[in-house]
Amino acid sequence: MAAQPAATRPTLPEIPLTAPAPDILAETRAFRQLMGQFATGVAVISLVPPGGGVSAMTINSLVSVSLDPMLVSWNLQNSASLYAAYAGADEFAFSILGEDQQALARRYAARGDSSLEADNFEAGPRGVPVLRGAIAHIVCRRFAVHPAGDHTLILGQVHGMALNPAAGRPLLFFSGRFGEMAP
């Protein structure tokens, strides 16, 4: 079914929110545990920081946002050691990891670039670095940046992408652990 233009969409009734019972108030640890039950894919975001080289970090917050324009988003922790480089990057790339790339996911989950290995990367579209052997790559220009609590929401407009048809299945993250899809 095609989406209706905004002017002809039906208006949904407002549902009043009631205060939650005291025993179900969200606590940070409980919320983190609950959200860990939502399986996600794993990607490495990479960019060329000011001064050159490659900077990379593992994320599991990559989300498709829009087809027109093509937008994706991800969340950057405000206390990230390379916050300024990522929040201020004009261009960046996502490499969607395969289940055989768990070691790379762990390596780039470390704070800073202390375990960065330049040989893991190749030049992607427009020269933005991408991980070799990933399932897919998405190269973006920064579209918008929004504060979001203890994170920053970054939207990227897609201007390059590649799918590796020879790659296997995706690496998953669930309940605080990496995992694989069942065959």
N, C-alpha and C. Protein backbone atom coordinates (compact mmCIF):
# COMPACT_ATOMS: atom_id res chain seq x y z
N MET A 1 0.85 -1.18 0.00
CA MET A 1 0.00 0.00 0.00
C MET A 1 0.90 1.24 0.00
N ALA A 2 0.66 2.17 -0.87
CA ALA A 2 1.46 3.39 -0.95
C ALA A 2 1.12 4.33 0.20
N ALA A 3 2.11 5.09 0.62
CA ALA A 3 1.88 6.06 1.69
C ALA A 3 0.95 7.15 1.20
N GLN A 4 0.06 7.59 2.06
CA GLN A 4 -0.86 8.66 1.70
C GLN A 4 -0.17 10.00 1.88
N PRO A 5 -0.48 10.97 1.03
CA PRO A 5 0.07 12.31 1.26
C PRO A 5 -0.34 12.81 2.64
N ALA A 6 0.47 13.67 3.23
CA ALA A 6 0.23 14.16 4.58
C ALA A 6 -1.16 14.76 4.74
N ALA A 7 -1.65 15.45 3.74
CA ALA A 7 -2.94 16.12 3.85
C ALA A 7 -4.10 15.14 3.94
N THR A 8 -3.95 13.91 3.41
CA THR A 8 -5.06 12.97 3.42
C THR A 8 -4.89 11.86 4.44
N ARG A 9 -3.84 11.89 5.22
CA ARG A 9 -3.65 10.87 6.26
C ARG A 9 -4.69 11.06 7.35
N PRO A 10 -5.24 9.96 7.84
CA PRO A 10 -6.21 10.10 8.93
C PRO A 10 -5.52 10.57 10.20
N THR A 11 -6.24 11.32 11.00
CA THR A 11 -5.72 11.79 12.28
C THR A 11 -5.96 10.71 13.31
N LEU A 12 -4.93 10.33 14.01
CA LEU A 12 -5.06 9.31 15.04
C LEU A 12 -5.44 9.96 16.35
N PRO A 13 -6.26 9.29 17.13
CA PRO A 13 -6.65 9.88 18.42
C PRO A 13 -5.46 9.88 19.37
N GLU A 14 -5.39 10.88 20.21
CA GLU A 14 -4.34 10.92 21.23
C GLU A 14 -4.69 9.96 22.33
N ILE A 15 -3.70 9.23 22.79
CA ILE A 15 -3.89 8.31 23.90
C ILE A 15 -3.22 8.92 25.10
N PRO A 16 -3.98 9.20 26.15
CA PRO A 16 -3.36 9.83 27.33
C PRO A 16 -2.38 8.87 27.99
N LEU A 17 -1.26 9.40 28.42
CA LEU A 17 -0.27 8.61 29.12
C LEU A 17 -0.53 8.71 30.61
N THR A 18 -0.44 7.60 31.26
CA THR A 18 -0.61 7.60 32.71
C THR A 18 0.75 7.37 33.34
N ALA A 19 0.93 7.84 34.54
CA ALA A 19 2.20 7.66 35.24
C ALA A 19 2.40 6.17 35.51
N PRO A 20 3.62 5.67 35.27
CA PRO A 20 3.87 4.25 35.52
C PRO A 20 3.84 3.96 37.01
N ALA A 21 3.51 2.74 37.33
CA ALA A 21 3.55 2.30 38.72
C ALA A 21 5.00 2.38 39.20
N PRO A 22 5.22 2.71 40.48
CA PRO A 22 6.59 2.87 40.99
C PRO A 22 7.50 1.68 40.73
N ASP A 23 6.96 0.45 40.66
CA ASP A 23 7.81 -0.71 40.47
C ASP A 23 8.28 -0.91 39.03
N ILE A 24 7.77 -0.13 38.09
CA ILE A 24 8.24 -0.27 36.72
C ILE A 24 8.92 0.99 36.19
N LEU A 25 9.29 1.89 37.08
CA LEU A 25 10.04 3.05 36.64
C LEU A 25 11.37 2.59 36.05
N ALA A 26 11.76 3.21 34.96
CA ALA A 26 12.99 2.82 34.27
C ALA A 26 14.21 3.22 35.08
N GLU A 27 15.11 2.31 35.23
CA GLU A 27 16.41 2.57 35.82
C GLU A 27 17.44 2.30 34.73
N THR A 28 18.54 2.99 34.78
CA THR A 28 19.53 2.89 33.72
C THR A 28 19.96 1.45 33.46
N ARG A 29 20.32 0.72 34.47
CA ARG A 29 20.80 -0.65 34.28
C ARG A 29 19.70 -1.55 33.71
N ALA A 30 18.50 -1.41 34.25
CA ALA A 30 17.38 -2.22 33.78
C ALA A 30 17.04 -1.88 32.32
N PHE A 31 17.10 -0.59 31.99
CA PHE A 31 16.81 -0.17 30.62
C PHE A 31 17.85 -0.73 29.66
N ARG A 32 19.12 -0.67 30.06
CA ARG A 32 20.19 -1.20 29.21
C ARG A 32 19.98 -2.71 28.99
N GLN A 33 19.63 -3.43 30.05
CA GLN A 33 19.40 -4.86 29.95
C GLN A 33 18.20 -5.15 29.04
N LEU A 34 17.13 -4.40 29.21
CA LEU A 34 15.95 -4.58 28.38
C LEU A 34 16.28 -4.32 26.91
N MET A 35 16.97 -3.23 26.60
CA MET A 35 17.30 -2.91 25.22
C MET A 35 18.29 -3.90 24.62
N GLY A 36 19.05 -4.58 25.48
CA GLY A 36 19.96 -5.63 25.01
C GLY A 36 19.22 -6.81 24.41
N GLN A 37 17.91 -6.89 24.64
CA GLN A 37 17.10 -7.96 24.08
C GLN A 37 16.70 -7.67 22.64
N PHE A 38 17.08 -6.51 22.14
CA PHE A 38 16.82 -6.14 20.75
C PHE A 38 18.10 -6.42 19.97
N ALA A 39 18.08 -7.47 19.15
CA ALA A 39 19.26 -7.83 18.36
C ALA A 39 19.54 -6.77 17.30
N THR A 40 20.79 -6.44 17.12
CA THR A 40 21.19 -5.47 16.11
C THR A 40 22.31 -6.04 15.26
N GLY A 41 22.55 -5.39 14.16
CA GLY A 41 23.73 -5.68 13.36
C GLY A 41 24.92 -4.95 13.96
N VAL A 42 26.09 -5.22 13.45
CA VAL A 42 27.32 -4.60 13.93
C VAL A 42 28.02 -3.96 12.75
N ALA A 43 28.47 -2.74 12.94
CA ALA A 43 29.19 -2.02 11.89
C ALA A 43 30.39 -1.31 12.49
N VAL A 44 31.32 -0.96 11.64
CA VAL A 44 32.43 -0.11 12.03
C VAL A 44 32.29 1.17 11.24
N ILE A 45 32.28 2.30 11.95
CA ILE A 45 32.27 3.59 11.28
C ILE A 45 33.72 4.03 11.17
N SER A 46 34.08 4.55 10.00
CA SER A 46 35.46 4.99 9.77
C SER A 46 35.45 6.33 9.06
N LEU A 47 36.54 7.05 9.26
CA LEU A 47 36.68 8.37 8.65
C LEU A 47 38.15 8.75 8.63
N VAL A 48 38.43 9.83 7.93
CA VAL A 48 39.77 10.42 7.94
C VAL A 48 39.70 11.60 8.89
N PRO A 49 40.37 11.49 10.05
CA PRO A 49 40.31 12.59 11.02
C PRO A 49 41.18 13.77 10.57
N PRO A 50 41.01 14.93 11.21
CA PRO A 50 41.90 16.05 10.89
C PRO A 50 43.35 15.60 11.11
N GLY A 51 44.19 15.89 10.17
CA GLY A 51 45.58 15.47 10.27
C GLY A 51 45.88 14.21 9.49
N GLY A 52 44.82 13.53 8.96
CA GLY A 52 45.03 12.35 8.13
C GLY A 52 44.96 11.05 8.89
N GLY A 53 45.21 9.96 8.19
CA GLY A 53 45.14 8.64 8.76
C GLY A 53 43.73 8.08 8.69
N VAL A 54 43.46 7.14 9.56
CA VAL A 54 42.15 6.50 9.64
C VAL A 54 41.72 6.45 11.09
N SER A 55 40.47 6.69 11.34
CA SER A 55 39.89 6.52 12.67
C SER A 55 38.69 5.60 12.50
N ALA A 56 38.50 4.66 13.45
CA ALA A 56 37.41 3.70 13.32
C ALA A 56 36.88 3.31 14.69
N MET A 57 35.57 3.02 14.75
CA MET A 57 34.97 2.51 15.98
C MET A 57 33.79 1.61 15.65
N THR A 58 33.60 0.60 16.48
CA THR A 58 32.49 -0.34 16.33
C THR A 58 31.22 0.28 16.89
N ILE A 59 30.12 0.10 16.16
CA ILE A 59 28.83 0.60 16.61
C ILE A 59 27.76 -0.48 16.36
N ASN A 60 26.65 -0.37 17.07
CA ASN A 60 25.50 -1.22 16.77
C ASN A 60 24.24 -0.36 16.70
N SER A 61 24.42 0.92 16.39
CA SER A 61 23.27 1.84 16.35
C SER A 61 22.95 2.34 14.95
N LEU A 62 23.48 1.69 13.91
CA LEU A 62 23.20 2.11 12.55
C LEU A 62 21.75 1.82 12.20
N VAL A 63 21.04 2.84 11.71
CA VAL A 63 19.62 2.71 11.40
C VAL A 63 19.32 3.42 10.08
N SER A 64 18.54 2.77 9.23
CA SER A 64 18.03 3.40 8.03
C SER A 64 16.92 4.37 8.45
N VAL A 65 16.96 5.60 7.93
CA VAL A 65 16.00 6.63 8.34
C VAL A 65 15.06 7.02 7.20
N SER A 66 15.59 7.21 6.01
CA SER A 66 14.78 7.75 4.91
C SER A 66 15.31 7.24 3.57
N LEU A 67 14.39 7.09 2.62
CA LEU A 67 14.80 6.74 1.25
C LEU A 67 14.94 7.96 0.36
N ASP A 68 14.24 9.04 0.69
CA ASP A 68 14.29 10.24 -0.14
C ASP A 68 14.31 11.49 0.71
N PRO A 69 15.50 12.01 1.02
CA PRO A 69 16.81 11.53 0.58
C PRO A 69 17.22 10.29 1.36
N MET A 70 18.19 9.55 0.83
CA MET A 70 18.68 8.36 1.53
C MET A 70 19.47 8.81 2.75
N LEU A 71 18.94 8.48 3.94
CA LEU A 71 19.57 8.88 5.20
C LEU A 71 19.72 7.67 6.12
N VAL A 72 20.82 7.66 6.85
CA VAL A 72 21.03 6.71 7.94
C VAL A 72 21.40 7.53 9.17
N SER A 73 21.26 6.90 10.34
CA SER A 73 21.67 7.57 11.57
C SER A 73 22.48 6.61 12.43
N TRP A 74 23.23 7.20 13.35
CA TRP A 74 23.95 6.42 14.35
C TRP A 74 24.11 7.30 15.57
N ASN A 75 24.45 6.70 16.70
CA ASN A 75 24.56 7.43 17.96
C ASN A 75 25.99 7.39 18.46
N LEU A 76 26.50 8.55 18.82
CA LEU A 76 27.85 8.71 19.32
C LEU A 76 27.80 9.08 20.80
N GLN A 77 28.45 8.30 21.63
CA GLN A 77 28.48 8.60 23.07
C GLN A 77 29.24 9.90 23.29
N ASN A 78 28.66 10.80 24.09
CA ASN A 78 29.26 12.11 24.32
C ASN A 78 30.63 12.02 24.99
N SER A 79 30.90 10.94 25.70
CA SER A 79 32.20 10.79 26.37
C SER A 79 33.20 10.01 25.53
N ALA A 80 32.88 9.74 24.26
CA ALA A 80 33.80 9.00 23.39
C ALA A 80 35.13 9.73 23.30
N SER A 81 36.22 8.97 23.31
CA SER A 81 37.55 9.59 23.31
C SER A 81 37.79 10.41 22.05
N LEU A 82 37.16 10.07 20.94
CA LEU A 82 37.35 10.82 19.70
C LEU A 82 36.05 11.52 19.28
N TYR A 83 35.32 11.98 20.29
CA TYR A 83 34.02 12.62 20.05
C TYR A 83 34.12 13.73 18.99
N ALA A 84 35.05 14.65 19.15
CA ALA A 84 35.14 15.81 18.25
C ALA A 84 35.35 15.38 16.80
N ALA A 85 36.19 14.38 16.59
CA ALA A 85 36.46 13.92 15.22
C ALA A 85 35.21 13.34 14.57
N TYR A 86 34.45 12.54 15.32
CA TYR A 86 33.26 11.90 14.76
C TYR A 86 32.10 12.88 14.63
N ALA A 87 31.86 13.67 15.64
CA ALA A 87 30.74 14.62 15.59
C ALA A 87 30.96 15.69 14.53
N GLY A 88 32.22 16.01 14.25
CA GLY A 88 32.52 17.06 13.28
C GLY A 88 32.86 16.57 11.89
N ALA A 89 32.88 15.26 11.67
CA ALA A 89 33.27 14.72 10.36
C ALA A 89 32.26 15.09 9.28
N ASP A 90 32.77 15.59 8.17
CA ASP A 90 31.91 15.89 7.04
C ASP A 90 31.54 14.64 6.26
N GLU A 91 32.48 13.66 6.21
CA GLU A 91 32.24 12.40 5.51
C GLU A 91 32.67 11.24 6.40
N PHE A 92 31.95 10.14 6.30
CA PHE A 92 32.27 8.95 7.07
C PHE A 92 31.68 7.75 6.36
N ALA A 93 32.14 6.56 6.74
CA ALA A 93 31.66 5.34 6.10
C ALA A 93 31.31 4.31 7.15
N PHE A 94 30.35 3.47 6.83
CA PHE A 94 29.97 2.34 7.67
C PHE A 94 30.35 1.08 6.92
N SER A 95 30.99 0.15 7.60
CA SER A 95 31.27 -1.17 7.07
C SER A 95 30.43 -2.14 7.89
N ILE A 96 29.48 -2.80 7.25
CA ILE A 96 28.60 -3.75 7.95
C ILE A 96 29.35 -5.07 8.03
N LEU A 97 29.55 -5.54 9.27
CA LEU A 97 30.41 -6.69 9.49
C LEU A 97 29.71 -8.02 9.30
N GLY A 98 30.49 -8.99 8.84
CA GLY A 98 30.03 -10.37 8.71
C GLY A 98 30.37 -11.15 9.97
N GLU A 99 29.73 -12.32 10.13
CA GLU A 99 29.92 -13.11 11.33
C GLU A 99 31.37 -13.56 11.52
N ASP A 100 32.17 -13.56 10.47
CA ASP A 100 33.58 -13.93 10.58
C ASP A 100 34.47 -12.75 10.96
N GLN A 101 33.88 -11.59 11.25
CA GLN A 101 34.66 -10.39 11.57
C GLN A 101 34.52 -9.96 13.03
N GLN A 102 34.22 -10.89 13.91
CA GLN A 102 34.05 -10.58 15.32
C GLN A 102 35.33 -9.99 15.93
N ALA A 103 36.49 -10.48 15.52
CA ALA A 103 37.76 -9.95 16.06
C ALA A 103 37.91 -8.47 15.69
N LEU A 104 37.51 -8.09 14.49
CA LEU A 104 37.57 -6.68 14.09
C LEU A 104 36.58 -5.85 14.91
N ALA A 105 35.39 -6.39 15.14
CA ALA A 105 34.40 -5.67 15.95
C ALA A 105 34.97 -5.40 17.34
N ARG A 106 35.62 -6.37 17.94
CA ARG A 106 36.21 -6.19 19.27
C ARG A 106 37.37 -5.20 19.23
N ARG A 107 38.19 -5.30 18.21
CA ARG A 107 39.35 -4.40 18.11
C ARG A 107 38.90 -2.94 18.04
N TYR A 108 37.89 -2.67 17.23
CA TYR A 108 37.48 -1.27 17.05
C TYR A 108 36.45 -0.81 18.07
N ALA A 109 36.12 -1.69 19.02
CA ALA A 109 35.27 -1.30 20.14
C ALA A 109 36.11 -0.67 21.26
N ALA A 110 37.43 -0.83 21.21
CA ALA A 110 38.32 -0.26 22.23
C ALA A 110 38.32 1.26 22.11
N ARG A 111 38.50 1.94 23.23
CA ARG A 111 38.54 3.41 23.22
C ARG A 111 39.77 3.89 22.46
N GLY A 112 39.62 4.96 21.71
CA GLY A 112 40.74 5.53 20.97
C GLY A 112 41.08 4.67 19.77
N ASP A 113 42.20 4.96 19.16
CA ASP A 113 42.65 4.21 18.00
C ASP A 113 43.88 3.38 18.34
N SER A 114 44.00 2.96 19.61
CA SER A 114 45.20 2.26 20.04
C SER A 114 45.41 0.94 19.31
N SER A 115 44.35 0.31 18.84
CA SER A 115 44.50 -0.98 18.16
C SER A 115 44.20 -0.89 16.67
N LEU A 116 44.22 0.32 16.12
CA LEU A 116 43.92 0.51 14.71
C LEU A 116 44.99 -0.14 13.84
N GLU A 117 44.56 -0.88 12.84
CA GLU A 117 45.48 -1.47 11.88
C GLU A 117 45.08 -0.97 10.50
N ALA A 118 45.90 -0.10 9.94
CA ALA A 118 45.59 0.52 8.65
C ALA A 118 45.39 -0.51 7.55
N ASP A 119 46.05 -1.68 7.64
CA ASP A 119 45.91 -2.71 6.61
C ASP A 119 44.50 -3.31 6.58
N ASN A 120 43.70 -3.10 7.62
CA ASN A 120 42.32 -3.59 7.63
C ASN A 120 41.43 -2.78 6.70
N PHE A 121 41.92 -1.64 6.23
CA PHE A 121 41.09 -0.70 5.48
C PHE A 121 41.56 -0.56 4.04
N GLU A 122 40.62 -0.14 3.20
CA GLU A 122 40.91 0.24 1.83
C GLU A 122 40.12 1.50 1.53
N ALA A 123 40.48 2.18 0.47
CA ALA A 123 39.77 3.40 0.09
C ALA A 123 38.43 3.03 -0.51
N GLY A 124 37.37 3.58 0.06
CA GLY A 124 36.03 3.38 -0.47
C GLY A 124 35.67 4.53 -1.40
N PRO A 125 34.39 4.67 -1.73
CA PRO A 125 33.96 5.80 -2.55
C PRO A 125 34.42 7.13 -1.97
N ARG A 126 34.89 8.00 -2.83
CA ARG A 126 35.37 9.34 -2.46
C ARG A 126 36.58 9.28 -1.52
N GLY A 127 37.26 8.11 -1.45
CA GLY A 127 38.46 7.99 -0.65
C GLY A 127 38.24 7.77 0.83
N VAL A 128 36.99 7.63 1.26
CA VAL A 128 36.70 7.40 2.68
C VAL A 128 37.08 5.94 2.99
N PRO A 129 37.81 5.69 4.08
CA PRO A 129 38.25 4.32 4.37
C PRO A 129 37.09 3.41 4.77
N VAL A 130 37.14 2.15 4.28
CA VAL A 130 36.17 1.12 4.62
C VAL A 130 36.93 -0.16 4.97
N LEU A 131 36.32 -1.02 5.78
CA LEU A 131 36.95 -2.29 6.16
C LEU A 131 36.94 -3.28 5.01
N ARG A 132 38.07 -3.91 4.79
CA ARG A 132 38.16 -4.97 3.78
C ARG A 132 37.28 -6.15 4.20
N GLY A 133 36.60 -6.76 3.25
CA GLY A 133 35.85 -7.98 3.50
C GLY A 133 34.51 -7.81 4.18
N ALA A 134 34.07 -6.58 4.40
CA ALA A 134 32.77 -6.36 5.04
C ALA A 134 31.64 -6.78 4.10
N ILE A 135 30.47 -7.02 4.68
CA ILE A 135 29.30 -7.40 3.89
C ILE A 135 28.85 -6.27 2.98
N ALA A 136 28.92 -5.05 3.49
CA ALA A 136 28.49 -3.88 2.71
C ALA A 136 29.17 -2.63 3.26
N HIS A 137 29.19 -1.60 2.43
CA HIS A 137 29.73 -0.29 2.82
C HIS A 137 28.72 0.78 2.48
N ILE A 138 28.62 1.78 3.34
CA ILE A 138 27.77 2.94 3.10
C ILE A 138 28.62 4.17 3.38
N VAL A 139 28.76 5.03 2.40
CA VAL A 139 29.54 6.26 2.57
C VAL A 139 28.57 7.44 2.61
N CYS A 140 28.79 8.31 3.61
CA CYS A 140 27.83 9.39 3.86
C CYS A 140 28.51 10.74 4.00
N ARG A 141 27.72 11.77 3.75
CA ARG A 141 28.05 13.15 4.12
C ARG A 141 27.19 13.47 5.34
N ARG A 142 27.75 14.25 6.26
CA ARG A 142 26.96 14.65 7.43
C ARG A 142 25.75 15.44 6.96
N PHE A 143 24.57 15.05 7.46
CA PHE A 143 23.32 15.70 7.12
C PHE A 143 22.83 16.55 8.28
N ALA A 144 22.92 16.01 9.51
CA ALA A 144 22.49 16.73 10.70
C ALA A 144 23.09 16.08 11.94
N VAL A 145 23.22 16.87 12.98
CA VAL A 145 23.72 16.40 14.27
C VAL A 145 22.78 16.95 15.34
N HIS A 146 22.30 16.07 16.23
CA HIS A 146 21.35 16.47 17.27
C HIS A 146 21.77 15.94 18.63
N PRO A 147 21.73 16.77 19.67
CA PRO A 147 21.98 16.25 21.02
C PRO A 147 20.87 15.26 21.39
N ALA A 148 21.26 14.19 22.09
CA ALA A 148 20.29 13.17 22.48
C ALA A 148 20.72 12.55 23.81
N GLY A 149 20.52 13.29 24.89
CA GLY A 149 20.91 12.79 26.21
C GLY A 149 22.41 12.64 26.32
N ASP A 150 22.87 11.45 26.73
CA ASP A 150 24.31 11.23 26.88
C ASP A 150 24.96 10.79 25.57
N HIS A 151 24.21 10.89 24.47
CA HIS A 151 24.72 10.58 23.13
C HIS A 151 24.40 11.75 22.20
N THR A 152 24.97 11.69 21.02
CA THR A 152 24.67 12.64 19.94
C THR A 152 24.19 11.82 18.75
N LEU A 153 23.04 12.19 18.21
CA LEU A 153 22.46 11.52 17.05
C LEU A 153 23.04 12.16 15.79
N ILE A 154 23.65 11.37 14.95
CA ILE A 154 24.26 11.88 13.73
C ILE A 154 23.57 11.25 12.54
N LEU A 155 23.07 12.09 11.65
CA LEU A 155 22.44 11.63 10.42
C LEU A 155 23.40 11.84 9.26
N GLY A 156 23.49 10.83 8.42
CA GLY A 156 24.33 10.91 7.23
C GLY A 156 23.52 10.71 5.99
N GLN A 157 23.81 11.50 4.96
CA GLN A 157 23.15 11.32 3.67
C GLN A 157 24.04 10.42 2.81
N VAL A 158 23.47 9.33 2.35
CA VAL A 158 24.20 8.32 1.60
C VAL A 158 24.59 8.88 0.23
N HIS A 159 25.88 8.76 -0.09
CA HIS A 159 26.30 9.16 -1.44
C HIS A 159 27.22 8.12 -2.07
N GLY A 160 27.32 6.98 -1.46
CA GLY A 160 28.07 5.87 -2.03
C GLY A 160 27.74 4.61 -1.25
N MET A 161 27.68 3.48 -1.94
CA MET A 161 27.42 2.22 -1.25
C MET A 161 27.89 1.07 -2.11
N ALA A 162 28.17 -0.04 -1.44
CA ALA A 162 28.60 -1.24 -2.15
C ALA A 162 28.17 -2.44 -1.33
N LEU A 163 27.73 -3.48 -2.02
CA LEU A 163 27.33 -4.74 -1.40
C LEU A 163 28.31 -5.80 -1.86
N ASN A 164 28.81 -6.60 -0.93
CA ASN A 164 29.75 -7.67 -1.24
C ASN A 164 28.97 -8.97 -1.36
N PRO A 165 28.61 -9.39 -2.57
CA PRO A 165 27.77 -10.58 -2.72
C PRO A 165 28.46 -11.87 -2.25
N ALA A 166 29.78 -11.87 -2.15
CA ALA A 166 30.51 -13.06 -1.72
C ALA A 166 30.57 -13.17 -0.19
N ALA A 167 30.20 -12.10 0.51
CA ALA A 167 30.28 -12.10 1.97
C ALA A 167 29.22 -13.03 2.56
N GLY A 168 29.48 -13.48 3.75
CA GLY A 168 28.56 -14.39 4.43
C GLY A 168 27.44 -13.65 5.13
N ARG A 169 27.00 -14.20 6.23
CA ARG A 169 25.91 -13.64 7.01
C ARG A 169 26.42 -12.55 7.95
N PRO A 170 25.51 -11.69 8.44
CA PRO A 170 25.93 -10.58 9.29
C PRO A 170 26.31 -11.01 10.70
N LEU A 171 27.18 -10.22 11.31
CA LEU A 171 27.50 -10.36 12.72
C LEU A 171 26.38 -9.67 13.50
N LEU A 172 25.92 -10.30 14.56
CA LEU A 172 24.84 -9.74 15.37
C LEU A 172 25.35 -9.38 16.76
N PHE A 173 24.61 -8.50 17.43
CA PHE A 173 24.89 -8.15 18.82
C PHE A 173 23.58 -8.30 19.57
N PHE A 174 23.61 -9.13 20.65
CA PHE A 174 22.41 -9.42 21.41
C PHE A 174 22.79 -9.72 22.85
N SER A 175 22.10 -9.09 23.78
CA SER A 175 22.30 -9.33 25.21
C SER A 175 23.76 -9.17 25.62
N GLY A 176 24.41 -8.13 25.05
CA GLY A 176 25.78 -7.81 25.44
C GLY A 176 26.83 -8.70 24.80
N ARG A 177 26.46 -9.52 23.82
CA ARG A 177 27.40 -10.44 23.19
C ARG A 177 27.25 -10.43 21.68
N PHE A 178 28.35 -10.76 21.00
CA PHE A 178 28.30 -10.96 19.57
C PHE A 178 27.70 -12.34 19.30
N GLY A 179 27.02 -12.47 18.17
CA GLY A 179 26.42 -13.75 17.83
C GLY A 179 26.25 -13.89 16.32
N GLU A 180 25.74 -15.02 15.95
CA GLU A 180 25.53 -15.32 14.53
C GLU A 180 24.09 -15.73 14.31
N MET A 181 23.64 -15.59 13.09
CA MET A 181 22.30 -16.05 12.72
C MET A 181 22.31 -17.57 12.60
N ALA A 182 21.24 -18.19 13.01
CA ALA A 182 21.12 -19.64 12.83
C ALA A 182 20.97 -19.93 11.34
N PRO A 183 21.54 -21.05 10.87
CA PRO A 183 21.42 -21.38 9.43
C PRO A 183 20.00 -21.62 9.02
